[in-house]
Amino acid sequence: MNNTPVLNPHLALLPAEWIAEQVPVYPVNFEARQKPFEMTYFEVGPGCESPLDQHAVAECWIILRGHGLLTYAGQSQEVNPEAILYFEPHQPHQIKNLAATPMLICSIYWHIQK
């Protein structure tokens, strides 16, 4: 592994991966950098929802823009901008956009070391 520091700290987004209608996910391109986690930005169109998601990684969402209804582990609650959410591995979660404009969410996820 090259230990030379990267002088440009800016990261770019990769092309969108569409996981549902009006739900594009933009992976962050870390290029050759060593990374302790993965990160994406995703949008949820007005009145739309993300697919129900459940996986082996821990995940945090930061609500950057919009207002929605979060369903996590069978419980629902409204979320607003600047909310920071943590999802345990294997717990189902989903967001529905309740606003007339797209929601923007940053997702950070990683494998928990045992």
PDB file of N, CA and C in Angstrom:
ATOM      1  N   MET A   1       0.843  -1.182   0.000  1.00  0.00           N
ATOM      2  CA  MET A   1       0.000   0.000   0.000  1.00  0.00           C
ATOM      3  C   MET A   1       0.882   1.236   0.000  1.00  0.00           C
ATOM      4  N   ASN A   2       0.558   2.189  -0.822  1.00  0.00           N
ATOM      5  CA  ASN A   2       1.300   3.432  -0.917  1.00  0.00           C
ATOM      6  C   ASN A   2       0.940   4.325   0.266  1.00  0.00           C
ATOM      7  N   ASN A   3       1.936   4.762   1.047  1.00  0.00           N
ATOM      8  CA  ASN A   3       1.691   5.598   2.220  1.00  0.00           C
ATOM      9  C   ASN A   3       1.870   7.081   1.944  1.00  0.00           C
ATOM     10  N   THR A   4       2.010   7.460   0.683  1.00  0.00           N
ATOM     11  CA  THR A   4       2.148   8.862   0.326  1.00  0.00           C
ATOM     12  C   THR A   4       0.815   9.561   0.582  1.00  0.00           C
ATOM     13  N   PRO A   5       0.823  10.687   1.321  1.00  0.00           N
ATOM     14  CA  PRO A   5      -0.446  11.363   1.581  1.00  0.00           C
ATOM     15  C   PRO A   5      -1.071  11.898   0.289  1.00  0.00           C
ATOM     16  N   VAL A   6      -2.396  11.861   0.240  1.00  0.00           N
ATOM     17  CA  VAL A   6      -3.120  12.406  -0.900  1.00  0.00           C
ATOM     18  C   VAL A   6      -3.272  13.899  -0.660  1.00  0.00           C
ATOM     19  N   LEU A   7      -2.824  14.705  -1.619  1.00  0.00           N
ATOM     20  CA  LEU A   7      -2.844  16.148  -1.430  1.00  0.00           C
ATOM     21  C   LEU A   7      -4.206  16.770  -1.726  1.00  0.00           C
ATOM     22  N   ASN A   8      -5.032  16.096  -2.500  1.00  0.00           N
ATOM     23  CA  ASN A   8      -6.358  16.613  -2.801  1.00  0.00           C
ATOM     24  C   ASN A   8      -7.378  15.799  -2.010  1.00  0.00           C
ATOM     25  N   PRO A   9      -7.990  16.384  -0.978  1.00  0.00           N
ATOM     26  CA  PRO A   9      -8.907  15.618  -0.145  1.00  0.00           C
ATOM     27  C   PRO A   9     -10.312  15.459  -0.728  1.00  0.00           C
ATOM     28  N   HIS A  10     -10.600  16.102  -1.862  1.00  0.00           N
ATOM     29  CA  HIS A  10     -11.941  16.037  -2.439  1.00  0.00           C
ATOM     30  C   HIS A  10     -12.219  14.666  -3.048  1.00  0.00           C
ATOM     31  N   LEU A  11     -13.416  14.159  -2.782  1.00  0.00           N
ATOM     32  CA  LEU A  11     -13.853  12.892  -3.344  1.00  0.00           C
ATOM     33  C   LEU A  11     -14.985  13.160  -4.330  1.00  0.00           C
ATOM     34  N   ALA A  12     -15.100  12.313  -5.323  1.00  0.00           N
ATOM     35  CA  ALA A  12     -16.143  12.462  -6.332  1.00  0.00           C
ATOM     36  C   ALA A  12     -17.214  11.394  -6.137  1.00  0.00           C
ATOM     37  N   LEU A  13     -18.379  11.659  -6.704  1.00  0.00           N
ATOM     38  CA  LEU A  13     -19.443  10.668  -6.713  1.00  0.00           C
ATOM     39  C   LEU A  13     -19.368   9.862  -7.997  1.00  0.00           C
ATOM     40  N   LEU A  14     -19.618   8.567  -7.903  1.00  0.00           N
ATOM     41  CA  LEU A  14     -19.689   7.704  -9.072  1.00  0.00           C
ATOM     42  C   LEU A  14     -21.083   7.822  -9.689  1.00  0.00           C
ATOM     43  N   PRO A  15     -21.279   7.327 -10.913  1.00  0.00           N
ATOM     44  CA  PRO A  15     -22.612   7.390 -11.519  1.00  0.00           C
ATOM     45  C   PRO A  15     -23.665   6.695 -10.658  1.00  0.00           C
ATOM     46  N   ALA A  16     -24.883   7.169 -10.807  1.00  0.00           N
ATOM     47  CA  ALA A  16     -25.998   6.671  -9.995  1.00  0.00           C
ATOM     48  C   ALA A  16     -26.299   5.210 -10.269  1.00  0.00           C
ATOM     49  N   GLU A  17     -26.659   4.510  -9.198  1.00  0.00           N
ATOM     50  CA  GLU A  17     -27.225   3.160  -9.265  1.00  0.00           C
ATOM     51  C   GLU A  17     -28.675   3.319  -8.814  1.00  0.00           C
ATOM     52  N   TRP A  18     -29.623   2.999  -9.673  1.00  0.00           N
ATOM     53  CA  TRP A  18     -31.037   3.192  -9.346  1.00  0.00           C
ATOM     54  C   TRP A  18     -31.547   1.961  -8.612  1.00  0.00           C
ATOM     55  N   ILE A  19     -31.950   2.123  -7.334  1.00  0.00           N
ATOM     56  CA  ILE A  19     -32.417   0.980  -6.547  1.00  0.00           C
ATOM     57  C   ILE A  19     -33.942   0.894  -6.509  1.00  0.00           C
ATOM     58  N   ALA A  20     -34.613   1.954  -6.938  1.00  0.00           N
ATOM     59  CA  ALA A  20     -36.077   1.994  -7.054  1.00  0.00           C
ATOM     60  C   ALA A  20     -36.419   3.221  -7.887  1.00  0.00           C
ATOM     61  N   GLU A  21     -37.690   3.316  -8.290  1.00  0.00           N
ATOM     62  CA  GLU A  21     -38.108   4.487  -9.055  1.00  0.00           C
ATOM     63  C   GLU A  21     -37.898   5.749  -8.218  1.00  0.00           C
ATOM     64  N   GLN A  22     -37.210   6.709  -8.796  1.00  0.00           N
ATOM     65  CA  GLN A  22     -36.869   7.979  -8.152  1.00  0.00           C
ATOM     66  C   GLN A  22     -35.990   7.815  -6.911  1.00  0.00           C
ATOM     67  N   VAL A  23     -35.175   6.732  -6.889  1.00  0.00           N
ATOM     68  CA  VAL A  23     -34.246   6.531  -5.767  1.00  0.00           C
ATOM     69  C   VAL A  23     -32.855   6.198  -6.328  1.00  0.00           C
ATOM     70  N   PRO A  24     -32.112   7.235  -6.784  1.00  0.00           N
ATOM     71  CA  PRO A  24     -30.743   6.994  -7.229  1.00  0.00           C
ATOM     72  C   PRO A  24     -29.772   6.987  -6.046  1.00  0.00           C
ATOM     73  N   VAL A  25     -28.788   6.093  -6.097  1.00  0.00           N
ATOM     74  CA  VAL A  25     -27.732   6.012  -5.085  1.00  0.00           C
ATOM     75  C   VAL A  25     -26.419   6.349  -5.777  1.00  0.00           C
ATOM     76  N   TYR A  26     -25.667   7.286  -5.197  1.00  0.00           N
ATOM     77  CA  TYR A  26     -24.394   7.726  -5.757  1.00  0.00           C
ATOM     78  C   TYR A  26     -23.258   7.284  -4.840  1.00  0.00           C
ATOM     79  N   PRO A  27     -22.528   6.204  -5.186  1.00  0.00           N
ATOM     80  CA  PRO A  27     -21.394   5.797  -4.352  1.00  0.00           C
ATOM     81  C   PRO A  27     -20.294   6.865  -4.372  1.00  0.00           C
ATOM     82  N   VAL A  28     -19.603   7.009  -3.255  1.00  0.00           N
ATOM     83  CA  VAL A  28     -18.465   7.919  -3.177  1.00  0.00           C
ATOM     84  C   VAL A  28     -17.234   7.185  -3.677  1.00  0.00           C
ATOM     85  N   ASN A  29     -16.494   7.836  -4.559  1.00  0.00           N
ATOM     86  CA  ASN A  29     -15.289   7.241  -5.135  1.00  0.00           C
ATOM     87  C   ASN A  29     -14.085   7.590  -4.262  1.00  0.00           C
ATOM     88  N   PHE A  30     -13.596   6.621  -3.507  1.00  0.00           N
ATOM     89  CA  PHE A  30     -12.424   6.832  -2.663  1.00  0.00           C
ATOM     90  C   PHE A  30     -11.126   6.642  -3.437  1.00  0.00           C
ATOM     91  N   GLU A  31     -11.231   6.279  -4.716  1.00  0.00           N
ATOM     92  CA  GLU A  31     -10.082   6.024  -5.581  1.00  0.00           C
ATOM     93  C   GLU A  31      -9.169   5.011  -4.902  1.00  0.00           C
ATOM     94  N   ALA A  32      -7.890   5.307  -4.768  1.00  0.00           N
ATOM     95  CA  ALA A  32      -6.944   4.336  -4.202  1.00  0.00           C
ATOM     96  C   ALA A  32      -6.727   4.559  -2.706  1.00  0.00           C
ATOM     97  N   ARG A  33      -7.518   5.397  -2.097  1.00  0.00           N
ATOM     98  CA  ARG A  33      -7.333   5.682  -0.671  1.00  0.00           C
ATOM     99  C   ARG A  33      -7.745   4.486   0.189  1.00  0.00           C
ATOM    100  N   GLN A  34      -7.060   4.326   1.303  1.00  0.00           N
ATOM    101  CA  GLN A  34      -7.460   3.321   2.282  1.00  0.00           C
ATOM    102  C   GLN A  34      -8.700   3.854   2.985  1.00  0.00           C
ATOM    103  N   LYS A  35      -9.688   3.018   3.216  1.00  0.00           N
ATOM    104  CA  LYS A  35     -10.933   3.510   3.812  1.00  0.00           C
ATOM    105  C   LYS A  35     -11.456   2.528   4.856  1.00  0.00           C
ATOM    106  N   PRO A  36     -11.941   3.053   5.982  1.00  0.00           N
ATOM    107  CA  PRO A  36     -12.494   2.193   7.023  1.00  0.00           C
ATOM    108  C   PRO A  36     -13.989   1.935   6.845  1.00  0.00           C
ATOM    109  N   PHE A  37     -14.607   2.561   5.837  1.00  0.00           N
ATOM    110  CA  PHE A  37     -16.044   2.446   5.630  1.00  0.00           C
ATOM    111  C   PHE A  37     -16.374   2.730   4.170  1.00  0.00           C
ATOM    112  N   GLU A  38     -17.618   2.468   3.800  1.00  0.00           N
ATOM    113  CA  GLU A  38     -18.153   2.830   2.483  1.00  0.00           C
ATOM    114  C   GLU A  38     -19.126   3.979   2.700  1.00  0.00           C
ATOM    115  N   MET A  39     -19.357   4.756   1.637  1.00  0.00           N
ATOM    116  CA  MET A  39     -20.249   5.893   1.776  1.00  0.00           C
ATOM    117  C   MET A  39     -20.975   6.143   0.464  1.00  0.00           C
ATOM    118  N   THR A  40     -22.254   6.505   0.573  1.00  0.00           N
ATOM    119  CA  THR A  40     -23.041   6.889  -0.588  1.00  0.00           C
ATOM    120  C   THR A  40     -23.892   8.101  -0.223  1.00  0.00           C
ATOM    121  N   TYR A  41     -24.351   8.776  -1.260  1.00  0.00           N
ATOM    122  CA  TYR A  41     -25.424   9.759  -1.140  1.00  0.00           C
ATOM    123  C   TYR A  41     -26.586   9.172  -1.903  1.00  0.00           C
ATOM    124  N   PHE A  42     -27.806   9.360  -1.382  1.00  0.00           N
ATOM    125  CA  PHE A  42     -28.939   8.929  -2.184  1.00  0.00           C
ATOM    126  C   PHE A  42     -30.100   9.888  -2.030  1.00  0.00           C
ATOM    127  N   GLU A  43     -30.908   9.916  -3.071  1.00  0.00           N
ATOM    128  CA  GLU A  43     -32.092  10.763  -3.104  1.00  0.00           C
ATOM    129  C   GLU A  43     -33.331   9.882  -3.081  1.00  0.00           C
ATOM    130  N   VAL A  44     -34.395  10.425  -2.516  1.00  0.00           N
ATOM    131  CA  VAL A  44     -35.703   9.765  -2.559  1.00  0.00           C
ATOM    132  C   VAL A  44     -36.674  10.814  -3.073  1.00  0.00           C
ATOM    133  N   GLY A  45     -37.267  10.538  -4.234  1.00  0.00           N
ATOM    134  CA  GLY A  45     -38.172  11.492  -4.860  1.00  0.00           C
ATOM    135  C   GLY A  45     -39.408  11.755  -4.030  1.00  0.00           C
ATOM    136  N   PRO A  46     -40.096  12.870  -4.296  1.00  0.00           N
ATOM    137  CA  PRO A  46     -41.311  13.210  -3.564  1.00  0.00           C
ATOM    138  C   PRO A  46     -42.339  12.080  -3.598  1.00  0.00           C
ATOM    139  N   GLY A  47     -42.838  11.702  -2.434  1.00  0.00           N
ATOM    140  CA  GLY A  47     -43.840  10.647  -2.336  1.00  0.00           C
ATOM    141  C   GLY A  47     -43.311   9.244  -2.560  1.00  0.00           C
ATOM    142  N   CYS A  48     -42.030   9.090  -2.802  1.00  0.00           N
ATOM    143  CA  CYS A  48     -41.431   7.771  -3.063  1.00  0.00           C
ATOM    144  C   CYS A  48     -40.784   7.229  -1.792  1.00  0.00           C
ATOM    145  N   GLU A  49     -40.371   5.953  -1.861  1.00  0.00           N
ATOM    146  CA  GLU A  49     -39.695   5.346  -0.718  1.00  0.00           C
ATOM    147  C   GLU A  49     -38.561   4.460  -1.196  1.00  0.00           C
ATOM    148  N   SER A  50     -37.590   4.299  -0.326  1.00  0.00           N
ATOM    149  CA  SER A  50     -36.492   3.378  -0.614  1.00  0.00           C
ATOM    150  C   SER A  50     -37.008   1.952  -0.440  1.00  0.00           C
ATOM    151  N   PRO A  51     -36.356   0.985  -1.082  1.00  0.00           N
ATOM    152  CA  PRO A  51     -36.733  -0.408  -0.811  1.00  0.00           C
ATOM    153  C   PRO A  51     -36.421  -0.752   0.652  1.00  0.00           C
ATOM    154  N   LEU A  52     -37.162  -1.680   1.218  1.00  0.00           N
ATOM    155  CA  LEU A  52     -36.849  -2.168   2.561  1.00  0.00           C
ATOM    156  C   LEU A  52     -35.465  -2.800   2.491  1.00  0.00           C
ATOM    157  N   ASP A  53     -34.564  -2.357   3.350  1.00  0.00           N
ATOM    158  CA  ASP A  53     -33.170  -2.800   3.299  1.00  0.00           C
ATOM    159  C   ASP A  53     -32.809  -3.502   4.597  1.00  0.00           C
ATOM    160  N   GLN A  54     -32.004  -4.553   4.486  1.00  0.00           N
ATOM    161  CA  GLN A  54     -31.536  -5.321   5.644  1.00  0.00           C
ATOM    162  C   GLN A  54     -30.242  -5.977   5.221  1.00  0.00           C
ATOM    163  N   HIS A  55     -29.172  -5.814   5.984  1.00  0.00           N
ATOM    164  CA  HIS A  55     -27.859  -6.307   5.570  1.00  0.00           C
ATOM    165  C   HIS A  55     -26.959  -6.556   6.774  1.00  0.00           C
ATOM    166  N   ALA A  56     -25.792  -7.131   6.512  1.00  0.00           N
ATOM    167  CA  ALA A  56     -24.871  -7.539   7.575  1.00  0.00           C
ATOM    168  C   ALA A  56     -23.973  -6.411   8.067  1.00  0.00           C
ATOM    169  N   VAL A  57     -24.091  -5.208   7.497  1.00  0.00           N
ATOM    170  CA  VAL A  57     -23.242  -4.097   7.925  1.00  0.00           C
ATOM    171  C   VAL A  57     -24.001  -3.150   8.838  1.00  0.00           C
ATOM    172  N   ALA A  58     -23.262  -2.443   9.692  1.00  0.00           N
ATOM    173  CA  ALA A  58     -23.836  -1.339  10.470  1.00  0.00           C
ATOM    174  C   ALA A  58     -23.910  -0.133   9.545  1.00  0.00           C
ATOM    175  N   GLU A  59     -24.863   0.757   9.804  1.00  0.00           N
ATOM    176  CA  GLU A  59     -25.050   1.887   8.884  1.00  0.00           C
ATOM    177  C   GLU A  59     -25.528   3.113   9.645  1.00  0.00           C
ATOM    178  N   CYS A  60     -25.037   4.278   9.229  1.00  0.00           N
ATOM    179  CA  CYS A  60     -25.532   5.568   9.702  1.00  0.00           C
ATOM    180  C   CYS A  60     -26.080   6.334   8.513  1.00  0.00           C
ATOM    181  N   TRP A  61     -27.197   7.004   8.729  1.00  0.00           N
ATOM    182  CA  TRP A  61     -27.732   7.948   7.754  1.00  0.00           C
ATOM    183  C   TRP A  61     -27.685   9.330   8.376  1.00  0.00           C
ATOM    184  N   ILE A  62     -27.345  10.312   7.542  1.00  0.00           N
ATOM    185  CA  ILE A  62     -27.458  11.712   7.920  1.00  0.00           C
ATOM    186  C   ILE A  62     -28.446  12.331   6.948  1.00  0.00           C
ATOM    187  N   ILE A  63     -29.557  12.837   7.464  1.00  0.00           N
ATOM    188  CA  ILE A  63     -30.563  13.464   6.611  1.00  0.00           C
ATOM    189  C   ILE A  63     -30.056  14.870   6.283  1.00  0.00           C
ATOM    190  N   LEU A  64     -29.741  15.096   5.017  1.00  0.00           N
ATOM    191  CA  LEU A  64     -29.189  16.383   4.594  1.00  0.00           C
ATOM    192  C   LEU A  64     -30.279  17.355   4.141  1.00  0.00           C
ATOM    193  N   ARG A  65     -31.316  16.803   3.522  1.00  0.00           N
ATOM    194  CA  ARG A  65     -32.396  17.649   3.004  1.00  0.00           C
ATOM    195  C   ARG A  65     -33.674  16.829   2.964  1.00  0.00           C
ATOM    196  N   GLY A  66     -34.779  17.435   3.344  1.00  0.00           N
ATOM    197  CA  GLY A  66     -36.069  16.770   3.221  1.00  0.00           C
ATOM    198  C   GLY A  66     -36.650  16.324   4.548  1.00  0.00           C
ATOM    199  N   HIS A  67     -37.823  15.736   4.428  1.00  0.00           N
ATOM    200  CA  HIS A  67     -38.608  15.317   5.588  1.00  0.00           C
ATOM    201  C   HIS A  67     -39.224  13.976   5.226  1.00  0.00           C
ATOM    202  N   GLY A  68     -39.081  12.984   6.094  1.00  0.00           N
ATOM    203  CA  GLY A  68     -39.596  11.669   5.736  1.00  0.00           C
ATOM    204  C   GLY A  68     -40.071  10.859   6.919  1.00  0.00           C
ATOM    205  N   LEU A  69     -40.569   9.688   6.571  1.00  0.00           N
ATOM    206  CA  LEU A  69     -41.026   8.723   7.566  1.00  0.00           C
ATOM    207  C   LEU A  69     -40.071   7.532   7.529  1.00  0.00           C
ATOM    208  N   LEU A  70     -39.339   7.346   8.615  1.00  0.00           N
ATOM    209  CA  LEU A  70     -38.392   6.243   8.744  1.00  0.00           C
ATOM    210  C   LEU A  70     -39.101   5.068   9.380  1.00  0.00           C
ATOM    211  N   THR A  71     -38.950   3.888   8.788  1.00  0.00           N
ATOM    212  CA  THR A  71     -39.385   2.647   9.418  1.00  0.00           C
ATOM    213  C   THR A  71     -38.124   1.853   9.729  1.00  0.00           C
ATOM    214  N   TYR A  72     -37.934   1.527  11.006  1.00  0.00           N
ATOM    215  CA  TYR A  72     -36.742   0.805  11.463  1.00  0.00           C
ATOM    216  C   TYR A  72     -37.185  -0.267  12.447  1.00  0.00           C
ATOM    217  N   ALA A  73     -36.843  -1.503  12.130  1.00  0.00           N
ATOM    218  CA  ALA A  73     -37.161  -2.635  13.003  1.00  0.00           C
ATOM    219  C   ALA A  73     -38.647  -2.649  13.378  1.00  0.00           C
ATOM    220  N   GLY A  74     -39.507  -2.319  12.407  1.00  0.00           N
ATOM    221  CA  GLY A  74     -40.941  -2.390  12.612  1.00  0.00           C
ATOM    222  C   GLY A  74     -41.575  -1.165  13.263  1.00  0.00           C
ATOM    223  N   GLN A  75     -40.789  -0.158  13.610  1.00  0.00           N
ATOM    224  CA  GLN A  75     -41.298   1.064  14.239  1.00  0.00           C
ATOM    225  C   GLN A  75     -41.129   2.235  13.272  1.00  0.00           C
ATOM    226  N   SER A  76     -42.084   3.161  13.251  1.00  0.00           N
ATOM    227  CA  SER A  76     -42.008   4.315  12.351  1.00  0.00           C
ATOM    228  C   SER A  76     -41.890   5.608  13.138  1.00  0.00           C
ATOM    229  N   GLN A  77     -41.113   6.553  12.563  1.00  0.00           N
ATOM    230  CA  GLN A  77     -40.967   7.880  13.153  1.00  0.00           C
ATOM    231  C   GLN A  77     -40.591   8.875  12.061  1.00  0.00           C
ATOM    232  N   GLU A  78     -41.020  10.116  12.229  1.00  0.00           N
ATOM    233  CA  GLU A  78     -40.668  11.146  11.259  1.00  0.00           C
ATOM    234  C   GLU A  78     -39.244  11.622  11.508  1.00  0.00           C
ATOM    235  N   VAL A  79     -38.550  11.966  10.413  1.00  0.00           N
ATOM    236  CA  VAL A  79     -37.183  12.479  10.497  1.00  0.00           C
ATOM    237  C   VAL A  79     -37.083  13.755   9.663  1.00  0.00           C
ATOM    238  N   ASN A  80     -36.207  14.647  10.093  1.00  0.00           N
ATOM    239  CA  ASN A  80     -36.001  15.946   9.466  1.00  0.00           C
ATOM    240  C   ASN A  80     -34.524  16.152   9.168  1.00  0.00           C
ATOM    241  N   PRO A  81     -34.190  17.234   8.453  1.00  0.00           N
ATOM    242  CA  PRO A  81     -32.780  17.512   8.177  1.00  0.00           C
ATOM    243  C   PRO A  81     -31.949  17.571   9.457  1.00  0.00           C
ATOM    244  N   GLU A  82     -30.737  17.114   9.333  1.00  0.00           N
ATOM    245  CA  GLU A  82     -29.729  17.050  10.392  1.00  0.00           C
ATOM    246  C   GLU A  82     -29.927  15.877  11.342  1.00  0.00           C
ATOM    247  N   ALA A  83     -30.953  15.058  11.117  1.00  0.00           N
ATOM    248  CA  ALA A  83     -31.091  13.846  11.928  1.00  0.00           C
ATOM    249  C   ALA A  83     -29.945  12.897  11.582  1.00  0.00           C
ATOM    250  N   ILE A  84     -29.390  12.269  12.588  1.00  0.00           N
ATOM    251  CA  ILE A  84     -28.337  11.269  12.411  1.00  0.00           C
ATOM    252  C   ILE A  84     -28.891   9.964  12.964  1.00  0.00           C
ATOM    253  N   LEU A  85     -28.928   8.945  12.127  1.00  0.00           N
ATOM    254  CA  LEU A  85     -29.573   7.677  12.469  1.00  0.00           C
ATOM    255  C   LEU A  85     -28.561   6.537  12.402  1.00  0.00           C
ATOM    256  N   TYR A  86     -28.679   5.580  13.303  1.00  0.00           N
ATOM    257  CA  TYR A  86     -27.793   4.404  13.312  1.00  0.00           C
ATOM    258  C   TYR A  86     -28.647   3.150  13.206  1.00  0.00           C
ATOM    259  N   PHE A  87     -28.267   2.252  12.297  1.00  0.00           N
ATOM    260  CA  PHE A  87     -28.975   0.993  12.105  1.00  0.00           C
ATOM    261  C   PHE A  87     -28.046  -0.169  12.441  1.00  0.00           C
ATOM    262  N   GLU A  88     -28.489  -1.002  13.365  1.00  0.00           N
ATOM    263  CA  GLU A  88     -27.754  -2.219  13.707  1.00  0.00           C
ATOM    264  C   GLU A  88     -27.746  -3.165  12.502  1.00  0.00           C
ATOM    265  N   PRO A  89     -26.729  -4.014  12.378  1.00  0.00           N
ATOM    266  CA  PRO A  89     -26.738  -5.009  11.306  1.00  0.00           C
ATOM    267  C   PRO A  89     -27.993  -5.890  11.381  1.00  0.00           C
ATOM    268  N   HIS A  90     -28.482  -6.271  10.229  1.00  0.00           N
ATOM    269  CA  HIS A  90     -29.617  -7.194  10.054  1.00  0.00           C
ATOM    270  C   HIS A  90     -30.966  -6.609  10.490  1.00  0.00           C
ATOM    271  N   GLN A  91     -31.037  -5.314  10.771  1.00  0.00           N
ATOM    272  CA  GLN A  91     -32.307  -4.687  11.147  1.00  0.00           C
ATOM    273  C   GLN A  91     -32.919  -4.000   9.922  1.00  0.00           C
ATOM    274  N   PRO A  92     -34.160  -4.323   9.575  1.00  0.00           N
ATOM    275  CA  PRO A  92     -34.780  -3.725   8.390  1.00  0.00           C
ATOM    276  C   PRO A  92     -35.036  -2.227   8.583  1.00  0.00           C
ATOM    277  N   HIS A  93     -34.781  -1.462   7.507  1.00  0.00           N
ATOM    278  CA  HIS A  93     -34.989  -0.020   7.540  1.00  0.00           C
ATOM    279  C   HIS A  93     -35.409   0.478   6.160  1.00  0.00           C
ATOM    280  N   GLN A  94     -36.172   1.560   6.168  1.00  0.00           N
ATOM    281  CA  GLN A  94     -36.741   2.115   4.938  1.00  0.00           C
ATOM    282  C   GLN A  94     -37.132   3.570   5.212  1.00  0.00           C
ATOM    283  N   ILE A  95     -37.054   4.400   4.178  1.00  0.00           N
ATOM    284  CA  ILE A  95     -37.459   5.799   4.314  1.00  0.00           C
ATOM    285  C   ILE A  95     -38.471   6.147   3.234  1.00  0.00           C
ATOM    286  N   LYS A  96     -39.504   6.875   3.625  1.00  0.00           N
ATOM    287  CA  LYS A  96     -40.494   7.398   2.672  1.00  0.00           C
ATOM    288  C   LYS A  96     -40.425   8.911   2.723  1.00  0.00           C
ATOM    289  N   ASN A  97     -40.329   9.539   1.557  1.00  0.00           N
ATOM    290  CA  ASN A  97     -40.273  10.989   1.470  1.00  0.00           C
ATOM    291  C   ASN A  97     -41.685  11.556   1.627  1.00  0.00           C
ATOM    292  N   LEU A  98     -41.874  12.408   2.631  1.00  0.00           N
ATOM    293  CA  LEU A  98     -43.173  13.032   2.876  1.00  0.00           C
ATOM    294  C   LEU A  98     -43.263  14.439   2.288  1.00  0.00           C
ATOM    295  N   ALA A  99     -42.182  14.922   1.684  1.00  0.00           N
ATOM    296  CA  ALA A  99     -42.129  16.297   1.181  1.00  0.00           C
ATOM    297  C   ALA A  99     -42.388  16.364  -0.322  1.00  0.00           C
ATOM    298  N   ALA A 100     -42.550  17.581  -0.820  1.00  0.00           N
ATOM    299  CA  ALA A 100     -42.779  17.820  -2.253  1.00  0.00           C
ATOM    300  C   ALA A 100     -41.472  17.978  -3.023  1.00  0.00           C
ATOM    301  N   THR A 101     -40.333  17.896  -2.326  1.00  0.00           N
ATOM    302  CA  THR A 101     -39.015  17.989  -2.957  1.00  0.00           C
ATOM    303  C   THR A 101     -38.212  16.737  -2.600  1.00  0.00           C
ATOM    304  N   PRO A 102     -37.175  16.404  -3.388  1.00  0.00           N
ATOM    305  CA  PRO A 102     -36.390  15.200  -3.093  1.00  0.00           C
ATOM    306  C   PRO A 102     -35.677  15.275  -1.732  1.00  0.00           C
ATOM    307  N   MET A 103     -35.624  14.140  -1.044  1.00  0.00           N
ATOM    308  CA  MET A 103     -34.803  14.003   0.165  1.00  0.00           C
ATOM    309  C   MET A 103     -33.386  13.694  -0.280  1.00  0.00           C
ATOM    310  N   LEU A 104     -32.397  14.154   0.467  1.00  0.00           N
ATOM    311  CA  LEU A 104     -30.998  13.811   0.225  1.00  0.00           C
ATOM    312  C   LEU A 104     -30.437  13.246   1.517  1.00  0.00           C
ATOM    313  N   ILE A 105     -29.857  12.045   1.422  1.00  0.00           N
ATOM    314  CA  ILE A 105     -29.356  11.328   2.596  1.00  0.00           C
ATOM    315  C   ILE A 105     -27.933  10.855   2.326  1.00  0.00           C
ATOM    316  N   CYS A 106     -27.067  11.014   3.309  1.00  0.00           N
ATOM    317  CA  CYS A 106     -25.717  10.455   3.261  1.00  0.00           C
ATOM    318  C   CYS A 106     -25.734   9.157   4.064  1.00  0.00           C
ATOM    319  N   SER A 107     -25.259   8.083   3.463  1.00  0.00           N
ATOM    320  CA  SER A 107     -25.197   6.782   4.118  1.00  0.00           C
ATOM    321  C   SER A 107     -23.736   6.382   4.304  1.00  0.00           C
ATOM    322  N   ILE A 108     -23.376   6.010   5.525  1.00  0.00           N
ATOM    323  CA  ILE A 108     -22.026   5.541   5.846  1.00  0.00           C
ATOM    324  C   ILE A 108     -22.197   4.152   6.449  1.00  0.00           C
ATOM    325  N   TYR A 109     -21.492   3.163   5.897  1.00  0.00           N
ATOM    326  CA  TYR A 109     -21.677   1.803   6.398  1.00  0.00           C
ATOM    327  C   TYR A 109     -20.350   1.062   6.464  1.00  0.00           C
ATOM    328  N   TRP A 110     -20.301   0.064   7.363  1.00  0.00           N
ATOM    329  CA  TRP A 110     -19.067  -0.656   7.636  1.00  0.00           C
ATOM    330  C   TRP A 110     -19.379  -2.015   8.250  1.00  0.00           C
ATOM    331  N   HIS A 111     -18.414  -2.907   8.160  1.00  0.00           N
ATOM    332  CA  HIS A 111     -18.519  -4.213   8.820  1.00  0.00           C
ATOM    333  C   HIS A 111     -18.042  -4.078  10.249  1.00  0.00           C
ATOM    334  N   ILE A 112     -18.784  -4.649  11.175  1.00  0.00           N
ATOM    335  CA  ILE A 112     -18.390  -4.623  12.586  1.00  0.00           C
ATOM    336  C   ILE A 112     -17.413  -5.771  12.809  1.00  0.00           C
ATOM    337  N   GLN A 113     -16.270  -5.441  13.395  1.00  0.00           N
ATOM    338  CA  GLN A 113     -15.249  -6.452  13.697  1.00  0.00           C
ATOM    339  C   GLN A 113     -15.610  -7.146  14.989  1.00  0.00           C
ATOM    340  N   LYS A 114     -15.549  -8.481  14.955  1.00  0.00           N
ATOM    341  CA  LYS A 114     -15.847  -9.256  16.184  1.00  0.00           C
ATOM    342  C   LYS A 114     -14.598  -9.910  16.701  1.00  0.00           C
TER     343      LYS A 114
END
